Structures are given as structure tokens and as C-alpha cells.
PDB file of all heavy atoms in Angstrom:
ATOM      1  N   VAL A   1       0.818  -1.206   0.000  1.00  0.00           N
ATOM      2  CA  VAL A   1       0.000   0.000   0.000  1.00  0.00           C
ATOM      3  C   VAL A   1       0.855   1.262   0.000  1.00  0.00           C
ATOM      4  O   VAL A   1       0.565   2.225  -0.715  1.00  0.00           O
ATOM      5  CB  VAL A   1      -0.954   0.018   1.223  1.00  0.00           C
ATOM      6  CG1 VAL A   1      -1.735   1.324   1.272  1.00  0.00           C
ATOM      7  CG2 VAL A   1      -1.907  -1.170   1.165  1.00  0.00           C
ATOM      8  N   ARG A   2       1.937   1.264   0.770  1.00  0.00           N
ATOM      9  CA  ARG A   2       2.728   2.489   0.950  1.00  0.00           C
ATOM     10  C   ARG A   2       4.015   2.554   0.134  1.00  0.00           C
ATOM     11  O   ARG A   2       4.584   3.629  -0.017  1.00  0.00           O
ATOM     12  CB  ARG A   2       3.074   2.650   2.436  1.00  0.00           C
ATOM     13  CG  ARG A   2       1.843   2.753   3.334  1.00  0.00           C
ATOM     14  CD  ARG A   2       2.247   2.922   4.777  1.00  0.00           C
ATOM     15  NE  ARG A   2       1.094   3.011   5.667  1.00  0.00           N
ATOM     16  CZ  ARG A   2       1.152   3.162   6.974  1.00  0.00           C
ATOM     17  NH1 ARG A   2       2.334   3.221   7.567  1.00  0.00           N
ATOM     18  NH2 ARG A   2       0.051   3.226   7.698  1.00  0.00           N
ATOM     19  N   SER A   3       4.484   1.432  -0.336  1.00  0.00           N
ATOM     20  CA  SER A   3       5.760   1.418  -1.048  1.00  0.00           C
ATOM     21  C   SER A   3       5.561   1.727  -2.527  1.00  0.00           C
ATOM     22  O   SER A   3       4.917   0.969  -3.259  1.00  0.00           O
ATOM     23  CB  SER A   3       6.433   0.051  -0.884  1.00  0.00           C
ATOM     24  OG  SER A   3       7.491  -0.103  -1.794  1.00  0.00           O
ATOM     25  N   ARG A   4       6.132   2.855  -2.982  1.00  0.00           N
ATOM     26  CA  ARG A   4       6.039   3.192  -4.400  1.00  0.00           C
ATOM     27  C   ARG A   4       6.704   2.118  -5.248  1.00  0.00           C
ATOM     28  O   ARG A   4       6.224   1.789  -6.344  1.00  0.00           O
ATOM     29  CB  ARG A   4       6.723   4.539  -4.676  1.00  0.00           C
ATOM     30  CG  ARG A   4       6.078   5.738  -4.026  1.00  0.00           C
ATOM     31  CD  ARG A   4       6.817   7.009  -4.419  1.00  0.00           C
ATOM     32  NE  ARG A   4       8.262   6.908  -4.129  1.00  0.00           N
ATOM     33  CZ  ARG A   4       9.161   7.814  -4.490  1.00  0.00           C
ATOM     34  NH1 ARG A   4       8.774   8.900  -5.154  1.00  0.00           N
ATOM     35  NH2 ARG A   4      10.438   7.666  -4.195  1.00  0.00           N
ATOM     36  N   GLU A   5       7.829   1.601  -4.752  1.00  0.00           N
ATOM     37  CA  GLU A   5       8.561   0.589  -5.517  1.00  0.00           C
ATOM     38  C   GLU A   5       7.703  -0.655  -5.727  1.00  0.00           C
ATOM     39  O   GLU A   5       7.651  -1.212  -6.832  1.00  0.00           O
ATOM     40  CB  GLU A   5       9.863   0.213  -4.790  1.00  0.00           C
ATOM     41  CG  GLU A   5      10.888   1.331  -4.721  1.00  0.00           C
ATOM     42  CD  GLU A   5      10.662   2.257  -3.523  1.00  0.00           C
ATOM     43  OE1 GLU A   5       9.646   2.059  -2.805  1.00  0.00           O
ATOM     44  OE2 GLU A   5      11.475   3.166  -3.316  1.00  0.00           O
ATOM     45  N   THR A   6       7.024  -1.071  -4.657  1.00  0.00           N
ATOM     46  CA  THR A   6       6.181  -2.262  -4.755  1.00  0.00           C
ATOM     47  C   THR A   6       5.039  -2.050  -5.740  1.00  0.00           C
ATOM     48  O   THR A   6       4.758  -2.904  -6.588  1.00  0.00           O
ATOM     49  CB  THR A   6       5.597  -2.613  -3.373  1.00  0.00           C
ATOM     50  OG1 THR A   6       6.672  -2.838  -2.460  1.00  0.00           O
ATOM     51  CG2 THR A   6       4.720  -3.847  -3.447  1.00  0.00           C
ATOM     52  N   ILE A   7       4.390  -0.888  -5.639  1.00  0.00           N
ATOM     53  CA  ILE A   7       3.232  -0.619  -6.493  1.00  0.00           C
ATOM     54  C   ILE A   7       3.641  -0.552  -7.966  1.00  0.00           C
ATOM     55  O   ILE A   7       3.004  -1.158  -8.834  1.00  0.00           O
ATOM     56  CB  ILE A   7       2.548   0.690  -6.051  1.00  0.00           C
ATOM     57  CG1 ILE A   7       1.950   0.524  -4.650  1.00  0.00           C
ATOM     58  CG2 ILE A   7       1.460   1.101  -7.054  1.00  0.00           C
ATOM     59  CD1 ILE A   7       1.469   1.814  -4.016  1.00  0.00           C
ATOM     60  N   LEU A   8       4.732   0.149  -8.250  1.00  0.00           N
ATOM     61  CA  LEU A   8       5.159   0.289  -9.641  1.00  0.00           C
ATOM     62  C   LEU A   8       5.596  -1.048 -10.223  1.00  0.00           C
ATOM     63  O   LEU A   8       5.150  -1.435 -11.323  1.00  0.00           O
ATOM     64  CB  LEU A   8       6.302   1.305  -9.750  1.00  0.00           C
ATOM     65  CG  LEU A   8       6.858   1.503 -11.172  1.00  0.00           C
ATOM     66  CD1 LEU A   8       5.783   2.029 -12.107  1.00  0.00           C
ATOM     67  CD2 LEU A   8       8.068   2.432 -11.155  1.00  0.00           C
ATOM     68  N   LEU A   9       6.455  -1.767  -9.509  1.00  0.00           N
ATOM     69  CA  LEU A   9       6.936  -3.043 -10.039  1.00  0.00           C
ATOM     70  C   LEU A   9       5.781  -4.033 -10.204  1.00  0.00           C
ATOM     71  O   LEU A   9       5.749  -4.795 -11.175  1.00  0.00           O
ATOM     72  CB  LEU A   9       8.009  -3.627  -9.130  1.00  0.00           C
ATOM     73  CG  LEU A   9       9.343  -2.867  -9.049  1.00  0.00           C
ATOM     74  CD1 LEU A   9      10.348  -3.641  -8.211  1.00  0.00           C
ATOM     75  CD2 LEU A   9       9.914  -2.620 -10.441  1.00  0.00           C
ATOM     76  N   SER A  10       4.840  -4.009  -9.291  1.00  0.00           N
ATOM     77  CA  SER A  10       3.696  -4.922  -9.398  1.00  0.00           C
ATOM     78  C   SER A  10       2.868  -4.610 -10.642  1.00  0.00           C
ATOM     79  O   SER A  10       2.422  -5.526 -11.357  1.00  0.00           O
ATOM     80  CB  SER A  10       2.821  -4.831  -8.146  1.00  0.00           C
ATOM     81  OG  SER A  10       3.534  -5.245  -6.995  1.00  0.00           O
ATOM     82  N   LEU A  11       2.652  -3.325 -10.900  1.00  0.00           N
ATOM     83  CA  LEU A  11       1.918  -2.931 -12.105  1.00  0.00           C
ATOM     84  C   LEU A  11       2.628  -3.417 -13.365  1.00  0.00           C
ATOM     85  O   LEU A  11       2.003  -3.947 -14.295  1.00  0.00           O
ATOM     86  CB  LEU A  11       1.750  -1.413 -12.151  1.00  0.00           C
ATOM     87  CG  LEU A  11       0.729  -0.794 -11.194  1.00  0.00           C
ATOM     88  CD1 LEU A  11       0.836   0.729 -11.235  1.00  0.00           C
ATOM     89  CD2 LEU A  11      -0.684  -1.238 -11.564  1.00  0.00           C
ATOM     90  N   LEU A  12       3.950  -3.236 -13.397  1.00  0.00           N
ATOM     91  CA  LEU A  12       4.720  -3.595 -14.592  1.00  0.00           C
ATOM     92  C   LEU A  12       4.743  -5.101 -14.806  1.00  0.00           C
ATOM     93  O   LEU A  12       4.548  -5.585 -15.926  1.00  0.00           O
ATOM     94  CB  LEU A  12       6.152  -3.059 -14.459  1.00  0.00           C
ATOM     95  CG  LEU A  12       6.289  -1.534 -14.372  1.00  0.00           C
ATOM     96  CD1 LEU A  12       7.745  -1.138 -14.142  1.00  0.00           C
ATOM     97  CD2 LEU A  12       5.741  -0.870 -15.639  1.00  0.00           C
ATOM     98  N   VAL A  13       4.981  -5.859 -13.728  1.00  0.00           N
ATOM     99  CA  VAL A  13       5.057  -7.311 -13.862  1.00  0.00           C
ATOM    100  C   VAL A  13       3.693  -7.894 -14.224  1.00  0.00           C
ATOM    101  O   VAL A  13       3.573  -8.734 -15.122  1.00  0.00           O
ATOM    102  CB  VAL A  13       5.587  -7.940 -12.557  1.00  0.00           C
ATOM    103  CG1 VAL A  13       5.493  -9.465 -12.613  1.00  0.00           C
ATOM    104  CG2 VAL A  13       7.032  -7.515 -12.304  1.00  0.00           C
ATOM    105  N   GLU A  14       2.643  -7.415 -13.549  1.00  0.00           N
ATOM    106  CA  GLU A  14       1.313  -7.959 -13.821  1.00  0.00           C
ATOM    107  C   GLU A  14       0.871  -7.652 -15.252  1.00  0.00           C
ATOM    108  O   GLU A  14       0.284  -8.512 -15.928  1.00  0.00           O
ATOM    109  CB  GLU A  14       0.295  -7.405 -12.821  1.00  0.00           C
ATOM    110  CG  GLU A  14      -1.092  -7.999 -13.004  1.00  0.00           C
ATOM    111  CD  GLU A  14      -2.070  -7.592 -11.920  1.00  0.00           C
ATOM    112  OE1 GLU A  14      -1.634  -7.075 -10.867  1.00  0.00           O
ATOM    113  OE2 GLU A  14      -3.281  -7.799 -12.112  1.00  0.00           O
ATOM    114  N   ALA A  15       1.157  -6.437 -15.734  1.00  0.00           N
ATOM    115  CA  ALA A  15       0.763  -6.080 -17.101  1.00  0.00           C
ATOM    116  C   ALA A  15       1.453  -6.976 -18.123  1.00  0.00           C
ATOM    117  O   ALA A  15       0.824  -7.451 -19.088  1.00  0.00           O
ATOM    118  CB  ALA A  15       1.095  -4.614 -17.363  1.00  0.00           C
ATOM    119  N   ALA A  16       2.751  -7.228 -17.916  1.00  0.00           N
ATOM    120  CA  ALA A  16       3.492  -8.086 -18.850  1.00  0.00           C
ATOM    121  C   ALA A  16       2.956  -9.514 -18.811  1.00  0.00           C
ATOM    122  O   ALA A  16       2.737 -10.144 -19.854  1.00  0.00           O
ATOM    123  CB  ALA A  16       4.980  -8.065 -18.506  1.00  0.00           C
ATOM    124  N   TRP A  17       2.719 -10.026 -17.608  1.00  0.00           N
ATOM    125  CA  TRP A  17       2.275 -11.411 -17.491  1.00  0.00           C
ATOM    126  C   TRP A  17       0.865 -11.603 -18.026  1.00  0.00           C
ATOM    127  O   TRP A  17       0.554 -12.645 -18.600  1.00  0.00           O
ATOM    128  CB  TRP A  17       2.362 -11.861 -16.039  1.00  0.00           C
ATOM    129  CG  TRP A  17       3.776 -12.147 -15.599  1.00  0.00           C
ATOM    130  CD1 TRP A  17       4.899 -12.094 -16.363  1.00  0.00           C
ATOM    131  CD2 TRP A  17       4.201 -12.536 -14.294  1.00  0.00           C
ATOM    132  NE1 TRP A  17       6.004 -12.426 -15.622  1.00  0.00           N
ATOM    133  CE2 TRP A  17       5.604 -12.702 -14.348  1.00  0.00           C
ATOM    134  CE3 TRP A  17       3.541 -12.754 -13.092  1.00  0.00           C
ATOM    135  CZ2 TRP A  17       6.343 -13.083 -13.237  1.00  0.00           C
ATOM    136  CZ3 TRP A  17       4.278 -13.135 -11.986  1.00  0.00           C
ATOM    137  CH2 TRP A  17       5.675 -13.303 -12.060  1.00  0.00           C
ATOM    138  N   ARG A  18      -0.008 -10.604 -17.843  1.00  0.00           N
ATOM    139  CA  ARG A  18      -1.358 -10.746 -18.383  1.00  0.00           C
ATOM    140  C   ARG A  18      -1.330 -10.866 -19.906  1.00  0.00           C
ATOM    141  O   ARG A  18      -2.200 -11.490 -20.514  1.00  0.00           O
ATOM    142  CB  ARG A  18      -2.220  -9.552 -17.974  1.00  0.00           C
ATOM    143  CG  ARG A  18      -2.670  -9.594 -16.514  1.00  0.00           C
ATOM    144  CD  ARG A  18      -3.734  -8.567 -16.224  1.00  0.00           C
ATOM    145  NE  ARG A  18      -4.143  -8.587 -14.819  1.00  0.00           N
ATOM    146  CZ  ARG A  18      -4.996  -9.449 -14.295  1.00  0.00           C
ATOM    147  NH1 ARG A  18      -5.539 -10.375 -15.091  1.00  0.00           N
ATOM    148  NH2 ARG A  18      -5.323  -9.401 -13.016  1.00  0.00           N
ATOM    149  N   GLU A  19      -0.329 -10.279 -20.526  1.00  0.00           N
ATOM    150  CA  GLU A  19      -0.174 -10.368 -21.981  1.00  0.00           C
ATOM    151  C   GLU A  19       0.614 -11.611 -22.397  1.00  0.00           C
ATOM    152  O   GLU A  19       0.845 -11.831 -23.597  1.00  0.00           O
ATOM    153  CB  GLU A  19       0.528  -9.117 -22.507  1.00  0.00           C
ATOM    154  CG  GLU A  19      -0.277  -7.836 -22.300  1.00  0.00           C
ATOM    155  CD  GLU A  19       0.522  -6.596 -22.698  1.00  0.00           C
ATOM    156  OE1 GLU A  19       1.676  -6.758 -23.170  1.00  0.00           O
ATOM    157  OE2 GLU A  19       0.002  -5.477 -22.547  1.00  0.00           O
ATOM    158  N   GLY A  20       1.046 -12.407 -21.409  1.00  0.00           N
ATOM    159  CA  GLY A  20       1.805 -13.612 -21.721  1.00  0.00           C
ATOM    160  C   GLY A  20       3.252 -13.354 -22.046  1.00  0.00           C
ATOM    161  O   GLY A  20       3.930 -14.212 -22.624  1.00  0.00           O
ATOM    162  N   ARG A  21       3.760 -12.168 -21.682  1.00  0.00           N
ATOM    163  CA  ARG A  21       5.154 -11.820 -21.987  1.00  0.00           C
ATOM    164  C   ARG A  21       6.073 -12.176 -20.819  1.00  0.00           C
ATOM    165  O   ARG A  21       5.795 -11.844 -19.673  1.00  0.00           O
ATOM    166  CB  ARG A  21       5.298 -10.322 -22.284  1.00  0.00           C
ATOM    167  CG  ARG A  21       4.672  -9.896 -23.593  1.00  0.00           C
ATOM    168  CD  ARG A  21       5.011  -8.456 -23.939  1.00  0.00           C
ATOM    169  NE  ARG A  21       4.340  -7.499 -23.058  1.00  0.00           N
ATOM    170  CZ  ARG A  21       4.962  -6.740 -22.170  1.00  0.00           C
ATOM    171  NH1 ARG A  21       6.279  -6.846 -21.995  1.00  0.00           N
ATOM    172  NH2 ARG A  21       4.277  -5.865 -21.430  1.00  0.00           N
ATOM    173  N   ASP A  22       7.193 -12.844 -21.135  1.00  0.00           N
ATOM    174  CA  ASP A  22       8.210 -13.103 -20.135  1.00  0.00           C
ATOM    175  C   ASP A  22       8.908 -11.801 -19.770  1.00  0.00           C
ATOM    176  O   ASP A  22       8.979 -10.867 -20.586  1.00  0.00           O
ATOM    177  CB  ASP A  22       9.245 -14.103 -20.659  1.00  0.00           C
ATOM    178  CG  ASP A  22       8.642 -15.464 -20.945  1.00  0.00           C
ATOM    179  OD1 ASP A  22       7.543 -15.725 -20.430  1.00  0.00           O
ATOM    180  OD2 ASP A  22       9.267 -16.251 -21.674  1.00  0.00           O
ATOM    181  N   LEU A  23       9.435 -11.751 -18.539  1.00  0.00           N
ATOM    182  CA  LEU A  23      10.033 -10.502 -18.080  1.00  0.00           C
ATOM    183  C   LEU A  23      11.232 -10.830 -17.199  1.00  0.00           C
ATOM    184  O   LEU A  23      11.069 -11.287 -16.068  1.00  0.00           O
ATOM    185  CB  LEU A  23       9.008  -9.690 -17.283  1.00  0.00           C
ATOM    186  CG  LEU A  23       9.378  -8.254 -16.932  1.00  0.00           C
ATOM    187  CD1 LEU A  23       9.558  -7.427 -18.195  1.00  0.00           C
ATOM    188  CD2 LEU A  23       8.298  -7.636 -16.057  1.00  0.00           C
ATOM    189  N   GLY A  24      12.442 -10.602 -17.744  1.00  0.00           N
ATOM    190  CA  GLY A  24      13.653 -10.765 -16.956  1.00  0.00           C
ATOM    191  C   GLY A  24      13.996  -9.479 -16.236  1.00  0.00           C
ATOM    192  O   GLY A  24      13.342  -8.443 -16.399  1.00  0.00           O
ATOM    193  N   LEU A  25      15.053  -9.526 -15.433  1.00  0.00           N
ATOM    194  CA  LEU A  25      15.459  -8.318 -14.710  1.00  0.00           C
ATOM    195  C   LEU A  25      15.846  -7.194 -15.661  1.00  0.00           C
ATOM    196  O   LEU A  25      15.547  -6.023 -15.402  1.00  0.00           O
ATOM    197  CB  LEU A  25      16.629  -8.638 -13.773  1.00  0.00           C
ATOM    198  CG  LEU A  25      16.286  -9.143 -12.375  1.00  0.00           C
ATOM    199  CD1 LEU A  25      17.549  -9.392 -11.583  1.00  0.00           C
ATOM    200  CD2 LEU A  25      15.400  -8.132 -11.649  1.00  0.00           C
TER     201      LEU A  25
END
């Protein structure tokens, strides 16, 4: 809820995975 890093990374990872795209570091 409070961590900007958590919220941003979660948005990015979830968006990629919903599209079926692999995502490395």
C-alpha cells in the first residue's frame, strides 16, 4: 500500500504477465 517501488513493479510485472510476456530483470 505504501511502497512506491512495490506498487510500480507490481503494475509492470502484472501487465506483462497478463499479456503472456516473459520478463527478466
